[in-house]
Amino acid sequence: MPSGSWQILLPVPDPASRGATRSDNLQAGLWLIADMCLNIWAISIVKALGGGYPSWQIVFLRALVGLALLLPWVWRDRQAFANIEHWGLQILRIALSTLTLTASFFAVARLPLALFMTMNFTRPLVLIAMAALVLGEKVPLVRWAAGAVGLVGILIALNPDNVPWSWGLLAVAITVFSGTAAIIVTRKLKGTPAVVMMAFYTGGLALLTAVPAQQTWVPIAPDHLPYLLAVGVFSQCAQFCFLQAHWKGDAGFLGPLGYSSLIVSGTVGFLIFNEVPTLNTLIGATIIVLATTLLSVSSKH
């Protein structure tokens, strides 16, 4: 979607609005770390089993589990659905999120975990730019610098000269851009009750993936079923943490903080999938940690 279209679809932020406080950003950072950990657990299951099942099917199962978890909350807070606003943004968010999740599940089942996570680290860089251009947030120069340092680390860890082409790479590129766009739309819906956001997201996933999942359905092995259902549990909890993070903190602060998931994913790849990090990955990870440290220091001033 051209950048000009964002200005039409998204309301212009109030120039007089104030950014998040240091305390808000700290809380948002903790929510984001919880989101990252839960998502890595879900991604690890998809990586281990997802190659044998269509991505549509896994997303559909994830949505069904999420709806089951949400139903008691939806019933308790049903009055929150009485006055729903910004239907266009809600639909756009659902479409972008469905594309992101499906492409993500496709990619992670076909790429090394470290490579998949490294490619996703370009999302915070895109988010910093979108925060400034679309949301109108004032991103301090030091945070731009942190993003630039993080980009250097990403390039070193990725080692582009030695990465062969695959459809998984295209899928993860789609994940980065559609996922970043979904974050921007989510932030424009700030103030919408969390139960409404989560119900729309989860119900939308189920609705949009039901037909392709039915047409490509592969019978599930009995010993795989508990793990595939766990993807829905972890993902649904992660979504709540994600919403809390992006409603409490500045996008410019949260962006570079996402680099820390490189350490978590590298550890998971080593312990579970026997993926030994390369020297490039270790050097890149060190640079990314330095970028995150620079961000943390800048938030205190």
C-alpha atoms as a PDB file:
ATOM      1  CA  MET A   1       0.000   0.000   0.000  1.00  0.00           C
ATOM      2  CA  PRO A   2       1.465   3.409  -0.941  1.00  0.00           C
ATOM      3  CA  SER A   3       2.407   5.646   1.938  1.00  0.00           C
ATOM      4  CA  GLY A   4      -0.128   8.231   0.873  1.00  0.00           C
ATOM      5  CA  SER A   5      -2.927   5.740   1.432  1.00  0.00           C
ATOM      6  CA  TRP A   6      -1.979   5.487   5.101  1.00  0.00           C
ATOM      7  CA  GLN A   7      -2.803   9.149   5.591  1.00  0.00           C
ATOM      8  CA  ILE A   8      -6.262   8.494   4.159  1.00  0.00           C
ATOM      9  CA  LEU A   9      -6.974   5.360   6.172  1.00  0.00           C
ATOM     10  CA  LEU A  10      -5.398   6.404   9.437  1.00  0.00           C
ATOM     11  CA  PRO A  11      -6.449   9.443  11.498  1.00  0.00           C
ATOM     12  CA  VAL A  12      -3.781  12.080  11.911  1.00  0.00           C
ATOM     13  CA  PRO A  13      -2.383  12.062  15.478  1.00  0.00           C
ATOM     14  CA  ASP A  14      -2.977  15.021  17.710  1.00  0.00           C
ATOM     15  CA  PRO A  15       0.164  17.211  17.552  1.00  0.00           C
ATOM     16  CA  ALA A  16      -0.413  18.206  21.157  1.00  0.00           C
ATOM     17  CA  SER A  17      -0.420  14.606  22.409  1.00  0.00           C
ATOM     18  CA  ARG A  18       2.426  13.695  24.737  1.00  0.00           C
ATOM     19  CA  GLY A  19       4.615  10.639  24.360  1.00  0.00           C
ATOM     20  CA  ALA A  20       4.876   7.818  26.830  1.00  0.00           C
ATOM     21  CA  THR A  21       6.674   8.432  30.120  1.00  0.00           C
ATOM     22  CA  ARG A  22       9.763   6.539  31.222  1.00  0.00           C
ATOM     23  CA  SER A  23       7.579   4.367  33.482  1.00  0.00           C
ATOM     24  CA  ASP A  24       5.179   3.661  30.595  1.00  0.00           C
ATOM     25  CA  ASN A  25       8.046   2.600  28.351  1.00  0.00           C
ATOM     26  CA  LEU A  26       9.483   0.357  31.061  1.00  0.00           C
ATOM     27  CA  GLN A  27       6.146  -1.421  31.507  1.00  0.00           C
ATOM     28  CA  ALA A  28       5.740  -1.664  27.733  1.00  0.00           C
ATOM     29  CA  GLY A  29       9.189  -3.208  27.458  1.00  0.00           C
ATOM     30  CA  LEU A  30       8.289  -5.912  29.975  1.00  0.00           C
ATOM     31  CA  TRP A  31       5.074  -6.684  28.110  1.00  0.00           C
ATOM     32  CA  LEU A  32       7.046  -6.895  24.867  1.00  0.00           C
ATOM     33  CA  ILE A  33       9.559  -9.334  26.378  1.00  0.00           C
ATOM     34  CA  ALA A  34       6.683 -11.556  27.530  1.00  0.00           C
ATOM     35  CA  ASP A  35       5.201 -11.362  24.033  1.00  0.00           C
ATOM     36  CA  MET A  36       8.531 -12.378  22.470  1.00  0.00           C
ATOM     37  CA  CYS A  37       9.008 -15.375  24.772  1.00  0.00           C
ATOM     38  CA  LEU A  38       5.491 -16.705  24.207  1.00  0.00           C
ATOM     39  CA  ASN A  39       5.822 -16.272  20.454  1.00  0.00           C
ATOM     40  CA  ILE A  40       9.160 -18.070  20.368  1.00  0.00           C
ATOM     41  CA  TRP A  41       7.577 -21.056  22.155  1.00  0.00           C
ATOM     42  CA  ALA A  42       4.809 -21.112  19.548  1.00  0.00           C
ATOM     43  CA  ILE A  43       7.258 -20.636  16.675  1.00  0.00           C
ATOM     44  CA  SER A  44       9.411 -23.498  17.940  1.00  0.00           C
ATOM     45  CA  ILE A  45       6.427 -25.859  17.750  1.00  0.00           C
ATOM     46  CA  VAL A  46       5.581 -24.651  14.243  1.00  0.00           C
ATOM     47  CA  LYS A  47       9.203 -25.128  13.176  1.00  0.00           C
ATOM     48  CA  ALA A  48       9.266 -28.667  14.536  1.00  0.00           C
ATOM     49  CA  LEU A  49       5.907 -29.778  13.092  1.00  0.00           C
ATOM     50  CA  GLY A  50       4.791 -27.138  10.605  1.00  0.00           C
ATOM     51  CA  GLY A  51       6.559 -28.593   7.582  1.00  0.00           C
ATOM     52  CA  GLY A  52       4.025 -31.426   7.508  1.00  0.00           C
ATOM     53  CA  TYR A  53       0.910 -29.231   7.612  1.00  0.00           C
ATOM     54  CA  PRO A  54      -0.294 -26.316   5.439  1.00  0.00           C
ATOM     55  CA  SER A  55       0.192 -22.911   7.052  1.00  0.00           C
ATOM     56  CA  TRP A  56      -3.515 -22.127   6.615  1.00  0.00           C
ATOM     57  CA  GLN A  57      -4.389 -25.181   8.699  1.00  0.00           C
ATOM     58  CA  ILE A  58      -2.083 -24.246  11.576  1.00  0.00           C
ATOM     59  CA  VAL A  59      -3.365 -20.651  11.603  1.00  0.00           C
ATOM     60  CA  PHE A  60      -6.963 -21.911  11.594  1.00  0.00           C
ATOM     61  CA  LEU A  61      -6.261 -24.221  14.555  1.00  0.00           C
ATOM     62  CA  ARG A  62      -4.525 -21.371  16.362  1.00  0.00           C
ATOM     63  CA  ALA A  63      -7.627 -19.216  15.841  1.00  0.00           C
ATOM     64  CA  LEU A  64     -10.047 -21.881  17.082  1.00  0.00           C
ATOM     65  CA  VAL A  65      -8.056 -22.370  20.284  1.00  0.00           C
ATOM     66  CA  GLY A  66      -7.861 -18.630  20.764  1.00  0.00           C
ATOM     67  CA  LEU A  67     -11.618 -18.251  20.370  1.00  0.00           C
ATOM     68  CA  ALA A  68     -12.223 -20.972  22.954  1.00  0.00           C
ATOM     69  CA  LEU A  69      -9.975 -19.137  25.416  1.00  0.00           C
ATOM     70  CA  LEU A  70     -11.644 -15.801  24.693  1.00  0.00           C
ATOM     71  CA  LEU A  71     -15.310 -16.819  24.944  1.00  0.00           C
ATOM     72  CA  PRO A  72     -15.656 -16.417  28.740  1.00  0.00           C
ATOM     73  CA  TRP A  73     -13.987 -12.992  28.562  1.00  0.00           C
ATOM     74  CA  VAL A  74     -16.125 -11.944  25.586  1.00  0.00           C
ATOM     75  CA  TRP A  75     -19.314 -12.968  27.421  1.00  0.00           C
ATOM     76  CA  ARG A  76     -18.291 -11.162  30.613  1.00  0.00           C
ATOM     77  CA  ASP A  77     -17.433  -7.928  28.771  1.00  0.00           C
ATOM     78  CA  ARG A  78     -20.049  -8.200  26.012  1.00  0.00           C
ATOM     79  CA  GLN A  79     -21.132  -4.602  26.562  1.00  0.00           C
ATOM     80  CA  ALA A  80     -17.751  -3.505  25.166  1.00  0.00           C
ATOM     81  CA  PHE A  81     -18.995  -4.579  21.712  1.00  0.00           C
ATOM     82  CA  ALA A  82     -21.994  -2.228  21.797  1.00  0.00           C
ATOM     83  CA  ASN A  83     -20.226   0.795  20.288  1.00  0.00           C
ATOM     84  CA  ILE A  84     -17.462  -0.424  18.001  1.00  0.00           C
ATOM     85  CA  GLU A  85     -15.701   2.286  16.020  1.00  0.00           C
ATOM     86  CA  HIS A  86     -13.196   2.388  13.149  1.00  0.00           C
ATOM     87  CA  TRP A  87     -14.527  -0.664  11.328  1.00  0.00           C
ATOM     88  CA  GLY A  88     -12.227   0.005   8.393  1.00  0.00           C
ATOM     89  CA  LEU A  89      -9.144  -0.108  10.581  1.00  0.00           C
ATOM     90  CA  GLN A  90     -10.390  -3.245  12.336  1.00  0.00           C
ATOM     91  CA  ILE A  91     -10.830  -5.045   9.008  1.00  0.00           C
ATOM     92  CA  LEU A  92      -7.462  -3.813   7.732  1.00  0.00           C
ATOM     93  CA  ARG A  93      -5.751  -5.028  10.893  1.00  0.00           C
ATOM     94  CA  ILE A  94      -7.361  -8.467  10.584  1.00  0.00           C
ATOM     95  CA  ALA A  95      -6.314  -8.813   6.931  1.00  0.00           C
ATOM     96  CA  LEU A  96      -2.727  -7.717   7.606  1.00  0.00           C
ATOM     97  CA  SER A  97      -2.463  -9.949  10.663  1.00  0.00           C
ATOM     98  CA  THR A  98      -3.778 -13.000   8.807  1.00  0.00           C
ATOM     99  CA  LEU A  99      -1.258 -12.461   6.027  1.00  0.00           C
ATOM    100  CA  THR A 100       1.530 -11.951   8.565  1.00  0.00           C
ATOM    101  CA  LEU A 101       0.782 -15.035  10.633  1.00  0.00           C
ATOM    102  CA  THR A 102       0.294 -17.334   7.643  1.00  0.00           C
ATOM    103  CA  ALA A 103       3.508 -16.160   5.965  1.00  0.00           C
ATOM    104  CA  SER A 104       5.338 -16.417   9.276  1.00  0.00           C
ATOM    105  CA  PHE A 105       4.287 -20.035   9.860  1.00  0.00           C
ATOM    106  CA  PHE A 106       5.232 -20.914   6.281  1.00  0.00           C
ATOM    107  CA  ALA A 107       8.672 -19.337   6.626  1.00  0.00           C
ATOM    108  CA  VAL A 108       9.669 -20.670  10.038  1.00  0.00           C
ATOM    109  CA  ALA A 109       8.982 -24.257   8.966  1.00  0.00           C
ATOM    110  CA  ARG A 110      11.407 -23.848   6.042  1.00  0.00           C
ATOM    111  CA  LEU A 111      14.210 -21.670   7.398  1.00  0.00           C
ATOM    112  CA  PRO A 112      16.729 -22.078  10.238  1.00  0.00           C
ATOM    113  CA  LEU A 113      15.289 -20.501  13.379  1.00  0.00           C
ATOM    114  CA  ALA A 114      18.205 -18.089  13.736  1.00  0.00           C
ATOM    115  CA  LEU A 115      17.795 -16.914  10.131  1.00  0.00           C
ATOM    116  CA  PHE A 116      14.036 -16.526  10.534  1.00  0.00           C
ATOM    117  CA  MET A 117      14.401 -14.450  13.686  1.00  0.00           C
ATOM    118  CA  THR A 118      17.238 -12.386  12.208  1.00  0.00           C
ATOM    119  CA  MET A 119      15.122 -11.449   9.195  1.00  0.00           C
ATOM    120  CA  ASN A 120      12.337 -10.432  11.573  1.00  0.00           C
ATOM    121  CA  PHE A 121      14.738  -8.038  13.295  1.00  0.00           C
ATOM    122  CA  THR A 122      14.347  -5.721  10.320  1.00  0.00           C
ATOM    123  CA  ARG A 123      10.773  -5.082  11.512  1.00  0.00           C
ATOM    124  CA  PRO A 124      11.795  -2.728  14.367  1.00  0.00           C
ATOM    125  CA  LEU A 125      13.766  -0.627  11.873  1.00  0.00           C
ATOM    126  CA  VAL A 126      10.720  -0.319   9.644  1.00  0.00           C
ATOM    127  CA  LEU A 127       8.625   0.434  12.745  1.00  0.00           C
ATOM    128  CA  ILE A 128      10.899   3.304  13.794  1.00  0.00           C
ATOM    129  CA  ALA A 129      10.477   4.908  10.380  1.00  0.00           C
ATOM    130  CA  MET A 130       6.709   4.354  10.367  1.00  0.00           C
ATOM    131  CA  ALA A 131       6.424   5.742  13.899  1.00  0.00           C
ATOM    132  CA  ALA A 132       7.904   8.988  12.654  1.00  0.00           C
ATOM    133  CA  LEU A 133       6.234   9.163   9.233  1.00  0.00           C
ATOM    134  CA  VAL A 134       2.773   7.724   9.974  1.00  0.00           C
ATOM    135  CA  LEU A 135       2.189   8.184  13.708  1.00  0.00           C
ATOM    136  CA  GLY A 136       4.009  11.496  13.914  1.00  0.00           C
ATOM    137  CA  GLU A 137       6.016  10.343  16.934  1.00  0.00           C
ATOM    138  CA  LYS A 138       9.167  12.279  17.678  1.00  0.00           C
ATOM    139  CA  VAL A 139      11.978   9.720  17.571  1.00  0.00           C
ATOM    140  CA  PRO A 140      15.152  11.111  19.197  1.00  0.00           C
ATOM    141  CA  LEU A 141      18.342  10.996  17.169  1.00  0.00           C
ATOM    142  CA  VAL A 142      19.932   8.588  19.633  1.00  0.00           C
ATOM    143  CA  ARG A 143      17.176   6.037  18.923  1.00  0.00           C
ATOM    144  CA  TRP A 144      17.758   6.401  15.195  1.00  0.00           C
ATOM    145  CA  ALA A 145      21.412   5.707  15.968  1.00  0.00           C
ATOM    146  CA  ALA A 146      20.441   2.629  17.976  1.00  0.00           C
ATOM    147  CA  GLY A 147      18.432   1.409  15.012  1.00  0.00           C
ATOM    148  CA  ALA A 148      21.361   1.976  12.659  1.00  0.00           C
ATOM    149  CA  VAL A 149      23.714   0.049  14.942  1.00  0.00           C
ATOM    150  CA  GLY A 150      21.153  -2.739  15.132  1.00  0.00           C
ATOM    151  CA  LEU A 151      20.962  -2.847  11.332  1.00  0.00           C
ATOM    152  CA  VAL A 152      24.711  -3.408  11.135  1.00  0.00           C
ATOM    153  CA  GLY A 153      24.355  -6.301  13.553  1.00  0.00           C
ATOM    154  CA  ILE A 154      21.519  -7.760  11.471  1.00  0.00           C
ATOM    155  CA  LEU A 155      23.577  -7.661   8.276  1.00  0.00           C
ATOM    156  CA  ILE A 156      26.497  -9.376   9.961  1.00  0.00           C
ATOM    157  CA  ALA A 157      24.332 -12.063  11.554  1.00  0.00           C
ATOM    158  CA  LEU A 158      22.426 -12.690   8.322  1.00  0.00           C
ATOM    159  CA  ASN A 159      25.577 -12.886   6.155  1.00  0.00           C
ATOM    160  CA  PRO A 160      23.634 -12.263   2.898  1.00  0.00           C
ATOM    161  CA  ASP A 161      26.329 -13.728   0.608  1.00  0.00           C
ATOM    162  CA  ASN A 162      25.771 -17.222   2.012  1.00  0.00           C
ATOM    163  CA  VAL A 163      21.963 -17.294   2.180  1.00  0.00           C
ATOM    164  CA  PRO A 164      20.432 -19.288  -0.714  1.00  0.00           C
ATOM    165  CA  TRP A 165      17.138 -18.195  -2.239  1.00  0.00           C
ATOM    166  CA  SER A 166      13.993 -19.979  -1.045  1.00  0.00           C
ATOM    167  CA  TRP A 167      10.266 -19.326  -0.852  1.00  0.00           C
ATOM    168  CA  GLY A 168      10.764 -19.136   2.894  1.00  0.00           C
ATOM    169  CA  LEU A 169      12.805 -15.946   2.423  1.00  0.00           C
ATOM    170  CA  LEU A 170      10.002 -14.359   0.408  1.00  0.00           C
ATOM    171  CA  ALA A 171       7.503 -15.396   3.078  1.00  0.00           C
ATOM    172  CA  VAL A 172       9.551 -13.869   5.886  1.00  0.00           C
ATOM    173  CA  ALA A 173       9.905 -10.633   3.879  1.00  0.00           C
ATOM    174  CA  ILE A 174       6.113 -10.497   3.595  1.00  0.00           C
ATOM    175  CA  THR A 175       5.935 -11.153   7.330  1.00  0.00           C
ATOM    176  CA  VAL A 176       8.152  -8.146   8.083  1.00  0.00           C
ATOM    177  CA  PHE A 177       6.261  -5.605   5.993  1.00  0.00           C
ATOM    178  CA  SER A 178       2.695  -6.753   6.659  1.00  0.00           C
ATOM    179  CA  GLY A 179       3.481  -7.252  10.358  1.00  0.00           C
ATOM    180  CA  THR A 180       4.887  -3.756  10.697  1.00  0.00           C
ATOM    181  CA  ALA A 181       1.833  -2.317   8.958  1.00  0.00           C
ATOM    182  CA  ALA A 182      -0.407  -4.266  11.355  1.00  0.00           C
ATOM    183  CA  ILE A 183       1.450  -2.722  14.305  1.00  0.00           C
ATOM    184  CA  ILE A 184       0.810   0.767  12.955  1.00  0.00           C
ATOM    185  CA  VAL A 185      -2.917   0.051  12.545  1.00  0.00           C
ATOM    186  CA  THR A 186      -3.051  -1.453  16.042  1.00  0.00           C
ATOM    187  CA  ARG A 187      -1.553   1.705  17.521  1.00  0.00           C
ATOM    188  CA  LYS A 188      -4.157   3.825  15.717  1.00  0.00           C
ATOM    189  CA  LEU A 189      -6.834   1.761  17.503  1.00  0.00           C
ATOM    190  CA  LYS A 190      -5.439   2.639  20.919  1.00  0.00           C
ATOM    191  CA  GLY A 191      -8.274   2.977  23.414  1.00  0.00           C
ATOM    192  CA  THR A 192     -10.349   0.158  21.934  1.00  0.00           C
ATOM    193  CA  PRO A 193     -11.083  -2.410  24.686  1.00  0.00           C
ATOM    194  CA  ALA A 194      -8.561  -5.236  24.628  1.00  0.00           C
ATOM    195  CA  VAL A 195     -11.317  -7.863  24.527  1.00  0.00           C
ATOM    196  CA  VAL A 196     -12.693  -6.279  21.343  1.00  0.00           C
ATOM    197  CA  MET A 197      -9.267  -6.171  19.698  1.00  0.00           C
ATOM    198  CA  MET A 198      -8.490  -9.776  20.558  1.00  0.00           C
ATOM    199  CA  ALA A 199     -11.925 -11.089  19.582  1.00  0.00           C
ATOM    200  CA  PHE A 200     -11.832  -9.327  16.215  1.00  0.00           C
ATOM    201  CA  TYR A 201      -8.294 -10.525  15.546  1.00  0.00           C
ATOM    202  CA  THR A 202      -8.926 -14.145  16.504  1.00  0.00           C
ATOM    203  CA  GLY A 203     -12.339 -14.370  14.867  1.00  0.00           C
ATOM    204  CA  GLY A 204     -10.941 -12.747  11.741  1.00  0.00           C
ATOM    205  CA  LEU A 205      -8.122 -15.280  11.566  1.00  0.00           C
ATOM    206  CA  ALA A 206     -10.623 -18.136  11.783  1.00  0.00           C
ATOM    207  CA  LEU A 207     -12.923 -16.600   9.168  1.00  0.00           C
ATOM    208  CA  LEU A 208     -10.233 -15.778   6.605  1.00  0.00           C
ATOM    209  CA  THR A 209      -8.394 -19.093   6.894  1.00  0.00           C
ATOM    210  CA  ALA A 210     -11.380 -21.470   7.180  1.00  0.00           C
ATOM    211  CA  VAL A 211     -11.834 -22.087   3.444  1.00  0.00           C
ATOM    212  CA  PRO A 212      -8.153 -22.468   2.455  1.00  0.00           C
ATOM    213  CA  ALA A 213      -7.574 -24.647   5.528  1.00  0.00           C
ATOM    214  CA  GLN A 214     -10.488 -26.912   4.589  1.00  0.00           C
ATOM    215  CA  GLN A 215      -9.270 -27.223   0.999  1.00  0.00           C
ATOM    216  CA  THR A 216      -5.702 -28.133   1.999  1.00  0.00           C
ATOM    217  CA  TRP A 217      -6.407 -30.022   5.233  1.00  0.00           C
ATOM    218  CA  VAL A 218      -3.924 -32.735   6.248  1.00  0.00           C
ATOM    219  CA  PRO A 219      -4.966 -35.299   8.905  1.00  0.00           C
ATOM    220  CA  ILE A 220      -3.263 -34.521  12.216  1.00  0.00           C
ATOM    221  CA  ALA A 221      -1.235 -37.216  13.924  1.00  0.00           C
ATOM    222  CA  PRO A 222      -2.619 -37.840  17.454  1.00  0.00           C
ATOM    223  CA  ASP A 223       0.736 -37.123  19.109  1.00  0.00           C
ATOM    224  CA  HIS A 224       0.997 -33.816  17.237  1.00  0.00           C
ATOM    225  CA  LEU A 225      -2.415 -32.490  18.247  1.00  0.00           C
ATOM    226  CA  PRO A 226      -1.534 -31.293  21.809  1.00  0.00           C
ATOM    227  CA  TYR A 227       1.449 -29.350  20.489  1.00  0.00           C
ATOM    228  CA  LEU A 228      -0.481 -27.724  17.648  1.00  0.00           C
ATOM    229  CA  LEU A 229      -3.202 -26.714  20.115  1.00  0.00           C
ATOM    230  CA  ALA A 230      -0.503 -25.260  22.390  1.00  0.00           C
ATOM    231  CA  VAL A 231       0.436 -22.920  19.528  1.00  0.00           C
ATOM    232  CA  GLY A 232      -2.991 -21.330  19.956  1.00  0.00           C
ATOM    233  CA  VAL A 233      -2.599 -20.990  23.729  1.00  0.00           C
ATOM    234  CA  PHE A 234       0.841 -19.384  23.532  1.00  0.00           C
ATOM    235  CA  SER A 235      -0.113 -17.143  20.622  1.00  0.00           C
ATOM    236  CA  GLN A 236      -3.309 -15.906  22.261  1.00  0.00           C
ATOM    237  CA  CYS A 237      -1.470 -14.987  25.458  1.00  0.00           C
ATOM    238  CA  ALA A 238       1.258 -13.329  23.399  1.00  0.00           C
ATOM    239  CA  GLN A 239      -1.325 -11.196  21.606  1.00  0.00           C
ATOM    240  CA  PHE A 240      -2.541  -9.767  24.911  1.00  0.00           C
ATOM    241  CA  CYS A 241       1.044  -8.906  25.867  1.00  0.00           C
ATOM    242  CA  PHE A 242       1.592  -7.370  22.431  1.00  0.00           C
ATOM    243  CA  LEU A 243      -1.420  -5.088  22.758  1.00  0.00           C
ATOM    244  CA  GLN A 244      -0.361  -3.949  26.214  1.00  0.00           C
ATOM    245  CA  ALA A 245       3.161  -3.174  24.990  1.00  0.00           C
ATOM    246  CA  HIS A 246       2.132  -1.086  22.003  1.00  0.00           C
ATOM    247  CA  TRP A 247      -0.551   0.809  23.904  1.00  0.00           C
ATOM    248  CA  LYS A 248       1.731   1.731  26.798  1.00  0.00           C
ATOM    249  CA  GLY A 249       5.035   2.542  25.069  1.00  0.00           C
ATOM    250  CA  ASP A 250       6.432   4.580  22.193  1.00  0.00           C
ATOM    251  CA  ALA A 251       7.031   2.704  18.946  1.00  0.00           C
ATOM    252  CA  GLY A 252      10.476   4.302  18.718  1.00  0.00           C
ATOM    253  CA  PHE A 253      11.352   2.793  22.098  1.00  0.00           C
ATOM    254  CA  LEU A 254       9.868  -0.644  21.469  1.00  0.00           C
ATOM    255  CA  GLY A 255      11.441  -1.059  18.029  1.00  0.00           C
ATOM    256  CA  PRO A 256      15.121  -1.576  18.923  1.00  0.00           C
ATOM    257  CA  LEU A 257      14.122  -3.474  22.080  1.00  0.00           C
ATOM    258  CA  GLY A 258      12.894  -6.259  19.829  1.00  0.00           C
ATOM    259  CA  TYR A 259      16.500  -7.089  18.994  1.00  0.00           C
ATOM    260  CA  SER A 260      16.845  -8.859  22.339  1.00  0.00           C
ATOM    261  CA  SER A 261      14.813 -11.782  21.010  1.00  0.00           C
ATOM    262  CA  LEU A 262      17.886 -12.762  18.982  1.00  0.00           C
ATOM    263  CA  ILE A 263      19.458 -14.042  22.181  1.00  0.00           C
ATOM    264  CA  VAL A 264      16.348 -15.984  23.158  1.00  0.00           C
ATOM    265  CA  SER A 265      15.876 -17.513  19.699  1.00  0.00           C
ATOM    266  CA  GLY A 266      19.559 -18.393  19.456  1.00  0.00           C
ATOM    267  CA  THR A 267      19.356 -20.221  22.771  1.00  0.00           C
ATOM    268  CA  VAL A 268      16.214 -22.098  21.705  1.00  0.00           C
ATOM    269  CA  GLY A 269      17.791 -23.013  18.367  1.00  0.00           C
ATOM    270  CA  PHE A 270      20.851 -24.417  20.123  1.00  0.00           C
ATOM    271  CA  LEU A 271      19.062 -26.321  22.897  1.00  0.00           C
ATOM    272  CA  ILE A 272      16.110 -27.687  20.923  1.00  0.00           C
ATOM    273  CA  PHE A 273      17.145 -27.806  17.263  1.00  0.00           C
ATOM    274  CA  ASN A 274      20.910 -28.327  17.687  1.00  0.00           C
ATOM    275  CA  GLU A 275      21.623 -25.194  15.653  1.00  0.00           C
ATOM    276  CA  VAL A 276      25.115 -23.997  16.576  1.00  0.00           C
ATOM    277  CA  PRO A 277      25.331 -20.222  16.105  1.00  0.00           C
ATOM    278  CA  THR A 278      27.943 -19.143  13.562  1.00  0.00           C
ATOM    279  CA  LEU A 279      30.616 -16.576  14.316  1.00  0.00           C
ATOM    280  CA  ASN A 280      28.649 -14.076  12.232  1.00  0.00           C
ATOM    281  CA  THR A 281      25.564 -14.686  14.365  1.00  0.00           C
ATOM    282  CA  LEU A 282      27.512 -14.182  17.588  1.00  0.00           C
ATOM    283  CA  ILE A 283      29.130 -10.960  16.363  1.00  0.00           C
ATOM    284  CA  GLY A 284      25.801  -9.684  15.070  1.00  0.00           C
ATOM    285  CA  ALA A 285      24.103 -10.580  18.346  1.00  0.00           C
ATOM    286  CA  THR A 286      26.747  -8.660  20.307  1.00  0.00           C
ATOM    287  CA  ILE A 287      26.226  -5.557  18.182  1.00  0.00           C
ATOM    288  CA  ILE A 288      22.454  -5.860  18.567  1.00  0.00           C
ATOM    289  CA  VAL A 289      22.797  -6.086  22.355  1.00  0.00           C
ATOM    290  CA  LEU A 290      24.890  -2.901  22.248  1.00  0.00           C
ATOM    291  CA  ALA A 291      22.134  -1.221  20.241  1.00  0.00           C
ATOM    292  CA  THR A 292      19.553  -2.279  22.820  1.00  0.00           C
ATOM    293  CA  THR A 293      21.785  -0.946  25.609  1.00  0.00           C
ATOM    294  CA  LEU A 294      22.043   2.375  23.772  1.00  0.00           C
ATOM    295  CA  LEU A 295      18.256   2.485  23.593  1.00  0.00           C
ATOM    296  CA  SER A 296      17.883   1.772  27.307  1.00  0.00           C
ATOM    297  CA  VAL A 297      20.330   4.524  28.227  1.00  0.00           C
ATOM    298  CA  SER A 298      18.614   7.014  25.938  1.00  0.00           C
ATOM    299  CA  SER A 299      15.209   6.359  27.542  1.00  0.00           C
ATOM    300  CA  LYS A 300      16.527   7.591  30.874  1.00  0.00           C
ATOM    301  CA  HIS A 301      17.281  11.091  29.584  1.00  0.00           C
END
